[in-house]
Amino acid sequence: MDVFAAGAGHEQVVFCNDPSTGLRAIIAIYSTALGPALGGTRFYPYASEDDALTDVLNLSRAMAYKAACAGLDLGGGKAVIIGDPATDKTEALLRSYGRFVQAVGGRYYTACDVGTYVEDMDVIARECSFVTGRSPAHGGAGDSSILTAYGVFQGMRAAAEVAWGSPTLSGKRIGIAGVGKVGHYLVEHLLSDGATVVVADVSRDAVDRVRFLHPEVDAVDPDKLIDQPMDVYAPCALGGALSDDAVARLEARVVCGAANNQLDHPGIEKLLEERGVIYAPDYVVNSGGLIQVADEIEGYSEPRARAKAGEIFDTTRRIFALAAAEGVPPSVAADRLAERRMQQVGALRRVWLPGR
């Protein structure tokens, strides 16, 4: 892969290699126009290094847009560690990775993602000052998936208002693909709001946990969920859930979920619009976790972070209104909103301030 061509638009891509610990990681910084880049570290057994690079580039760009739409003074970055977290994750590897993050000099803050947890951030922080998403014992907020789910619920309420005239999911049937870190919290919000829920997950344990707590929830095989009669489809697993085939089979009126990079390829947003499906842009509605870990940087306040995550409702409404006014899909409207803020606020940084 031509890494310069693949990373066009990115400010910096760092390859981290430590044979003594087995560390192979990539840190990608898309933009620091609004502030230091913040984004989680994904620990995943990629099939190839090219796959890892593609993922980290896509994810870091999405983080920049996510921070911009969330109104945060932060840029976008992401990191991936290549390997199986079940077998390859060690204290030495995580601490080695922390030293590489430290070497970037504060241009990138790391946090949790797929395959990494708050306890891992505590280990990384033993070698690094630029870590958030830490445990409460170390001044952190703990599990960021709690506010991620809350934010998705707020975005779903905004989509329901467009679809059915009222910001509630009461009486609606919601299909959730993936009930792991975020999905199982989302189930609770939806049930409390009067919705019925059907779930699917490749992990039988994840499904069993949800159904043990909420026997009224239905469960189907993951490959059959897309065909279920439902009002809202909520992708909450890995990216690419909205493929041409999935959109053609989809029965839902609304798509709103926690997964990153849900659109399988450019143009899917137009197919959704042609089918009359309201798509709530993923990086907008799933920004609650980013808001939570960002709040840690200045000293975590749960009420402040939750109030900020609650603003996802208003931001999503604004994006739907912008989409209607400009005659574009919501995903395009969200991109425009993020790009305008990065350009306008980023331009202010050209004025030098002493001590900054």
Protein backbone atom coordinates (compact mmCIF):
# COMPACT_ATOMS: atom_id res chain seq x y z
CA MET A 1 0.00 0.00 0.00
CA ASP A 2 1.16 3.55 -0.79
CA VAL A 3 0.90 4.93 2.73
CA PHE A 4 1.15 8.57 1.63
CA ALA A 5 -1.70 8.14 -0.83
CA ALA A 6 -3.76 6.14 1.68
CA GLY A 7 -3.18 8.73 4.38
CA ALA A 8 -3.89 11.76 2.22
CA GLY A 9 -5.55 14.36 4.42
CA HIS A 10 -3.98 13.00 7.61
CA GLU A 11 -1.45 15.09 9.48
CA GLN A 12 0.61 12.23 10.86
CA VAL A 13 0.75 8.43 10.86
CA VAL A 14 3.11 6.69 13.29
CA PHE A 15 4.11 3.03 13.03
CA CYS A 16 5.14 1.54 16.37
CA ASN A 17 7.24 -1.63 16.43
CA ASP A 18 8.73 -3.35 19.49
CA PRO A 19 9.78 -6.96 18.74
CA SER A 20 10.69 -7.58 22.38
CA THR A 21 7.04 -7.27 23.46
CA GLY A 22 5.40 -8.20 20.16
CA LEU A 23 3.93 -4.71 19.78
CA ARG A 24 2.85 -3.71 16.29
CA ALA A 25 0.71 -0.60 16.40
CA ILE A 26 -0.31 2.33 14.22
CA ILE A 27 -1.27 5.78 15.49
CA ALA A 28 -3.12 7.98 13.00
CA ILE A 29 -3.75 11.69 13.55
CA TYR A 30 -6.23 13.11 11.08
CA SER A 31 -6.51 16.69 12.35
CA THR A 32 -5.43 18.90 15.23
CA ALA A 33 -7.20 22.00 13.88
CA LEU A 34 -9.44 22.16 16.96
CA GLY A 35 -7.00 20.74 19.52
CA PRO A 36 -5.04 17.58 20.32
CA ALA A 37 -6.35 14.45 18.64
CA LEU A 38 -8.36 12.10 20.84
CA GLY A 39 -9.43 8.58 19.96
CA GLY A 40 -9.36 5.07 21.34
CA THR A 41 -6.90 2.24 20.84
CA ARG A 42 -8.35 -0.79 19.05
CA PHE A 43 -6.67 -4.16 19.79
CA TYR A 44 -7.71 -6.49 16.99
CA PRO A 45 -6.36 -9.51 15.03
CA TYR A 46 -6.33 -7.89 11.60
CA ALA A 47 -5.88 -10.22 8.65
CA SER A 48 -3.14 -7.99 7.25
CA GLU A 49 -1.20 -4.83 7.99
CA ASP A 50 -3.02 -3.14 5.10
CA ASP A 51 -6.35 -3.90 6.79
CA ALA A 52 -5.06 -2.39 10.03
CA LEU A 53 -3.86 0.75 8.26
CA THR A 54 -7.13 1.16 6.39
CA ASP A 55 -9.11 0.83 9.62
CA VAL A 56 -7.03 3.29 11.62
CA LEU A 57 -7.14 5.87 8.84
CA ASN A 58 -10.91 5.62 8.51
CA LEU A 59 -11.47 5.66 12.26
CA SER A 60 -9.19 8.64 12.91
CA ARG A 61 -10.94 10.72 10.26
CA ALA A 62 -14.30 9.86 11.81
CA MET A 63 -13.01 10.90 15.23
CA ALA A 64 -12.09 14.35 13.92
CA TYR A 65 -15.58 14.82 12.52
CA LYS A 66 -17.11 13.39 15.69
CA ALA A 67 -15.25 15.84 17.95
CA ALA A 68 -16.12 18.75 15.67
CA CYS A 69 -19.85 17.97 15.62
CA ALA A 70 -19.84 17.39 19.38
CA GLY A 71 -18.54 20.91 19.92
CA LEU A 72 -15.28 19.74 21.53
CA ASP A 73 -11.97 21.58 21.21
CA LEU A 74 -10.29 18.37 20.15
CA GLY A 75 -8.97 16.88 16.95
CA GLY A 76 -9.32 13.36 15.64
CA GLY A 77 -6.98 10.42 16.03
CA LYS A 78 -7.07 6.68 16.51
CA ALA A 79 -4.69 3.83 17.14
CA VAL A 80 -4.72 0.12 16.43
CA ILE A 81 -2.67 -2.66 17.95
CA ILE A 82 -2.39 -5.68 15.68
CA GLY A 83 -3.02 -8.91 17.57
CA ASP A 84 -5.49 -10.97 19.49
CA PRO A 85 -6.18 -9.26 22.83
CA ALA A 86 -7.13 -12.61 24.37
CA THR A 87 -3.65 -14.05 23.79
CA ASP A 88 -1.27 -11.20 22.88
CA LYS A 89 -2.12 -8.51 25.42
CA THR A 90 0.53 -8.23 28.15
CA GLU A 91 1.61 -5.62 30.64
CA ALA A 92 4.92 -5.19 28.80
CA LEU A 93 3.20 -4.70 25.44
CA LEU A 94 0.78 -2.10 26.81
CA ARG A 95 3.53 -0.21 28.60
CA SER A 96 5.64 -0.25 25.44
CA TYR A 97 2.69 1.13 23.53
CA GLY A 98 2.30 3.84 26.17
CA ARG A 99 5.86 4.99 25.54
CA PHE A 100 5.14 5.34 21.84
CA VAL A 101 2.05 7.45 22.60
CA GLN A 102 4.16 9.58 24.96
CA ALA A 103 6.70 10.08 22.19
CA VAL A 104 4.04 11.74 20.02
CA GLY A 105 4.24 14.56 22.55
CA GLY A 106 0.61 15.27 23.40
CA ARG A 107 -0.66 15.55 19.83
CA TYR A 108 -2.67 12.36 20.50
CA TYR A 109 -4.62 11.23 23.58
CA THR A 110 -5.59 7.58 23.74
CA ALA A 111 -8.59 5.86 25.33
CA CYS A 112 -10.50 2.55 25.17
CA ASP A 113 -11.90 0.91 22.07
CA VAL A 114 -12.61 -2.62 20.82
CA GLY A 115 -10.28 -5.00 22.65
CA THR A 116 -9.10 -2.49 25.28
CA TYR A 117 -10.58 -1.58 28.64
CA VAL A 118 -10.16 0.91 31.48
CA GLU A 119 -7.70 -1.35 33.24
CA ASP A 120 -5.56 -1.35 30.10
CA MET A 121 -5.57 2.45 30.09
CA ASP A 122 -4.31 2.40 33.68
CA VAL A 123 -1.38 0.22 32.56
CA ILE A 124 -0.63 2.43 29.54
CA ALA A 125 -0.72 5.49 31.81
CA ARG A 126 2.23 4.12 33.79
CA GLU A 127 4.37 5.15 30.81
CA CYS A 128 2.27 7.94 29.31
CA SER A 129 0.68 11.25 30.33
CA PHE A 130 -1.79 11.38 27.46
CA VAL A 131 -4.32 8.74 28.48
CA THR A 132 -8.01 9.09 29.25
CA GLY A 133 -10.82 6.61 29.77
CA ARG A 134 -9.19 5.53 33.01
CA SER A 135 -10.68 3.80 36.05
CA PRO A 136 -12.40 5.79 38.82
CA ALA A 137 -9.62 4.72 41.17
CA HIS A 138 -7.24 6.78 39.05
CA GLY A 139 -9.52 9.77 38.59
CA GLY A 140 -11.22 8.52 35.45
CA ALA A 141 -14.84 8.05 34.48
CA GLY A 142 -14.69 4.30 33.96
CA ASP A 143 -16.77 2.64 31.27
CA SER A 144 -17.33 5.12 28.41
CA SER A 145 -19.93 2.86 26.80
CA ILE A 146 -22.50 4.13 29.34
CA LEU A 147 -22.61 7.62 27.84
CA THR A 148 -22.13 6.24 24.34
CA ALA A 149 -25.41 4.34 24.71
CA TYR A 150 -27.08 7.39 26.24
CA GLY A 151 -26.01 9.52 23.27
CA VAL A 152 -27.24 6.96 20.74
CA PHE A 153 -30.58 6.96 22.50
CA GLN A 154 -30.73 10.76 22.23
CA GLY A 155 -29.90 10.59 18.51
CA MET A 156 -32.57 7.94 18.05
CA ARG A 157 -35.13 10.19 19.73
CA ALA A 158 -34.25 12.97 17.27
CA ALA A 159 -34.64 10.57 14.33
CA ALA A 160 -37.99 9.38 15.73
CA GLU A 161 -39.18 12.99 15.78
CA VAL A 162 -38.44 13.30 12.05
CA ALA A 163 -39.92 9.90 11.22
CA TRP A 164 -43.04 9.91 13.40
CA GLY A 165 -43.45 13.44 14.72
CA SER A 166 -42.52 12.77 18.36
CA PRO A 167 -39.12 12.26 20.07
CA THR A 168 -39.96 8.94 21.66
CA LEU A 169 -39.49 5.26 20.82
CA SER A 170 -42.61 4.23 22.72
CA GLY A 171 -44.49 1.57 20.78
CA LYS A 172 -41.66 1.13 18.27
CA ARG A 173 -39.71 -2.08 17.62
CA ILE A 174 -35.94 -1.70 17.68
CA GLY A 175 -33.45 -4.21 16.28
CA ILE A 176 -30.02 -4.03 17.89
CA ALA A 177 -27.09 -5.72 16.14
CA GLY A 178 -24.48 -6.23 18.85
CA VAL A 179 -25.23 -6.15 22.57
CA GLY A 180 -21.71 -5.95 23.91
CA LYS A 181 -20.15 -2.85 25.48
CA VAL A 182 -22.75 -0.37 24.26
CA GLY A 183 -25.70 -2.38 22.99
CA HIS A 184 -26.81 -3.81 26.33
CA TYR A 185 -27.02 -0.31 27.87
CA LEU A 186 -29.01 0.86 24.84
CA VAL A 187 -31.51 -1.95 25.45
CA GLU A 188 -32.25 -0.51 28.90
CA HIS A 189 -32.89 3.02 27.59
CA LEU A 190 -35.25 1.71 24.92
CA LEU A 191 -37.23 -0.52 27.24
CA SER A 192 -37.59 2.36 29.70
CA ASP A 193 -38.96 4.49 26.87
CA GLY A 194 -41.62 1.92 26.03
CA ALA A 195 -40.04 0.27 22.98
CA THR A 196 -39.90 -3.42 22.20
CA VAL A 197 -36.49 -4.84 21.34
CA VAL A 198 -35.01 -7.68 19.28
CA VAL A 199 -31.27 -8.35 19.55
CA ALA A 200 -28.57 -10.30 17.76
CA ASP A 201 -24.92 -10.92 18.55
CA VAL A 202 -22.22 -13.37 17.48
CA SER A 203 -21.61 -13.91 21.19
CA ARG A 204 -24.22 -16.18 22.73
CA ASP A 205 -23.08 -15.01 26.17
CA ALA A 206 -23.87 -11.40 25.29
CA VAL A 207 -27.38 -12.32 24.18
CA ASP A 208 -27.96 -14.50 27.24
CA ARG A 209 -26.89 -11.67 29.56
CA VAL A 210 -29.45 -9.32 28.02
CA ARG A 211 -32.25 -11.88 28.07
CA PHE A 212 -31.48 -12.87 31.66
CA LEU A 213 -31.98 -9.27 32.75
CA HIS A 214 -34.80 -8.58 30.30
CA PRO A 215 -36.72 -11.75 29.36
CA GLU A 216 -39.12 -9.71 27.24
CA VAL A 217 -36.35 -9.03 24.69
CA ASP A 218 -36.41 -11.25 21.58
CA ALA A 219 -33.26 -12.71 20.03
CA VAL A 220 -32.45 -13.88 16.50
CA ASP A 221 -29.38 -15.07 14.62
CA PRO A 222 -27.12 -12.19 13.52
CA ASP A 223 -27.62 -12.88 9.80
CA LYS A 224 -31.42 -12.76 10.21
CA LEU A 225 -31.81 -9.50 12.11
CA ILE A 226 -31.75 -7.28 9.03
CA ASP A 227 -34.85 -9.11 7.70
CA GLN A 228 -36.88 -8.61 10.87
CA PRO A 229 -39.91 -6.29 10.87
CA MET A 230 -38.74 -3.30 12.91
CA ASP A 231 -39.02 0.47 13.04
CA VAL A 232 -35.40 1.21 13.91
CA TYR A 233 -32.24 -0.72 13.05
CA ALA A 234 -29.35 -0.07 15.44
CA PRO A 235 -25.92 -1.36 14.28
CA CYS A 236 -23.82 -1.57 17.44
CA ALA A 237 -21.04 -3.97 16.42
CA LEU A 238 -18.20 -3.43 13.91
CA GLY A 239 -18.38 -1.17 10.86
CA GLY A 240 -19.69 -1.77 7.36
CA ALA A 241 -23.10 -2.97 8.52
CA LEU A 242 -24.93 -1.00 5.83
CA SER A 243 -23.94 -2.74 2.61
CA ASP A 244 -25.89 -2.73 -0.65
CA ASP A 245 -27.44 -6.06 0.28
CA ALA A 246 -28.33 -4.94 3.80
CA VAL A 247 -29.98 -1.74 2.58
CA ALA A 248 -31.98 -3.66 -0.01
CA ARG A 249 -33.28 -6.04 2.68
CA LEU A 250 -33.81 -3.45 5.41
CA GLU A 251 -37.39 -2.95 6.61
CA ALA A 252 -36.70 -0.23 9.18
CA ARG A 253 -37.69 3.42 8.77
CA VAL A 254 -34.71 4.64 10.82
CA VAL A 255 -31.08 3.54 11.14
CA CYS A 256 -29.36 4.78 14.30
CA GLY A 257 -26.66 2.84 16.13
CA ALA A 258 -23.36 2.96 17.97
CA ALA A 259 -21.06 1.26 15.44
CA ASN A 260 -18.39 3.35 13.71
CA ASN A 261 -18.20 3.60 9.92
CA GLN A 262 -21.58 1.96 9.32
CA LEU A 263 -21.72 2.89 5.62
CA ASP A 264 -19.97 0.13 3.70
CA HIS A 265 -18.90 2.44 0.87
CA PRO A 266 -19.56 5.96 -0.46
CA GLY A 267 -22.99 6.13 -2.05
CA ILE A 268 -24.79 4.01 0.54
CA GLU A 269 -26.21 7.18 2.05
CA LYS A 270 -27.99 7.89 -1.25
CA LEU A 271 -29.42 4.36 -1.38
CA LEU A 272 -30.83 4.84 2.11
CA GLU A 273 -32.40 8.13 1.12
CA GLU A 274 -33.91 6.60 -2.04
CA ARG A 275 -35.55 3.92 0.10
CA GLY A 276 -36.92 6.52 2.49
CA VAL A 277 -34.71 5.41 5.38
CA ILE A 278 -33.68 8.11 7.85
CA TYR A 279 -30.01 7.63 8.70
CA ALA A 280 -28.65 9.24 11.87
CA PRO A 281 -24.91 9.73 11.16
CA ASP A 282 -22.95 7.29 13.29
CA TYR A 283 -20.16 9.58 14.43
CA VAL A 284 -22.71 12.12 15.64
CA VAL A 285 -24.94 9.85 17.69
CA ASN A 286 -22.14 7.68 19.12
CA SER A 287 -20.08 10.62 20.40
CA GLY A 288 -21.18 10.20 24.03
CA GLY A 289 -18.15 8.06 24.81
CA LEU A 290 -15.82 10.65 23.30
CA ILE A 291 -17.55 13.36 25.32
CA GLN A 292 -17.05 11.30 28.48
CA VAL A 293 -13.35 10.61 28.02
CA ALA A 294 -12.74 14.18 26.84
CA ASP A 295 -14.25 15.45 30.08
CA GLU A 296 -11.59 13.53 32.01
CA ILE A 297 -8.87 15.74 30.56
CA GLU A 298 -10.04 18.67 32.71
CA GLY A 299 -11.12 16.51 35.67
CA TYR A 300 -14.14 14.29 35.29
CA SER A 301 -17.62 15.52 36.25
CA GLU A 302 -20.37 12.99 35.53
CA PRO A 303 -23.23 15.57 35.54
CA ARG A 304 -21.28 17.83 33.16
CA ALA A 305 -20.43 14.96 30.81
CA ARG A 306 -23.99 13.60 30.82
CA ALA A 307 -25.41 17.05 30.10
CA LYS A 308 -22.99 17.42 27.19
CA ALA A 309 -23.96 13.99 25.86
CA GLY A 310 -27.60 15.02 26.10
CA GLU A 311 -26.85 17.73 23.53
CA ILE A 312 -26.53 14.96 20.92
CA PHE A 313 -30.33 15.21 20.60
CA ASP A 314 -30.11 18.86 19.53
CA THR A 315 -27.10 18.27 17.28
CA THR A 316 -28.86 15.43 15.48
CA ARG A 317 -31.97 17.56 15.01
CA ARG A 318 -29.78 20.34 13.61
CA ILE A 319 -28.22 17.95 11.12
CA PHE A 320 -31.60 16.68 9.93
CA ALA A 321 -32.73 20.30 9.48
CA LEU A 322 -29.55 21.17 7.57
CA ALA A 323 -29.97 18.12 5.37
CA ALA A 324 -33.52 19.16 4.49
CA ALA A 325 -32.52 22.78 3.84
CA GLU A 326 -29.57 21.91 1.61
CA GLY A 327 -31.18 18.91 -0.09
CA VAL A 328 -28.50 16.41 0.93
CA PRO A 329 -28.46 13.17 2.97
CA PRO A 330 -27.91 13.60 6.73
CA SER A 331 -24.42 12.08 6.50
CA VAL A 332 -23.39 14.80 4.03
CA ALA A 333 -24.96 17.47 6.23
CA ALA A 334 -23.01 16.17 9.24
CA ASP A 335 -19.76 16.25 7.28
CA ARG A 336 -20.45 19.83 6.22
CA LEU A 337 -21.19 20.89 9.78
CA ALA A 338 -17.95 19.32 11.03
CA GLU A 339 -15.84 20.72 8.19
CA ARG A 340 -17.18 24.23 8.67
CA ARG A 341 -16.30 24.18 12.35
CA MET A 342 -12.81 22.78 11.73
CA GLN A 343 -12.18 25.45 9.09
CA GLN A 344 -13.66 28.38 11.01
CA VAL A 345 -12.23 27.62 14.44
CA GLY A 346 -9.01 26.23 12.98
CA ALA A 347 -8.49 29.54 11.16
CA LEU A 348 -8.45 31.35 14.51
CA ARG A 349 -5.29 29.45 15.44
CA ARG A 350 -3.40 31.48 12.86
CA VAL A 351 -3.49 34.35 15.36
CA TRP A 352 -0.63 33.74 17.76
CA LEU A 353 -1.41 34.10 21.47
CA PRO A 354 1.42 34.41 24.01
CA GLY A 355 1.68 31.44 26.31
CA ARG A 356 -0.51 29.20 24.13
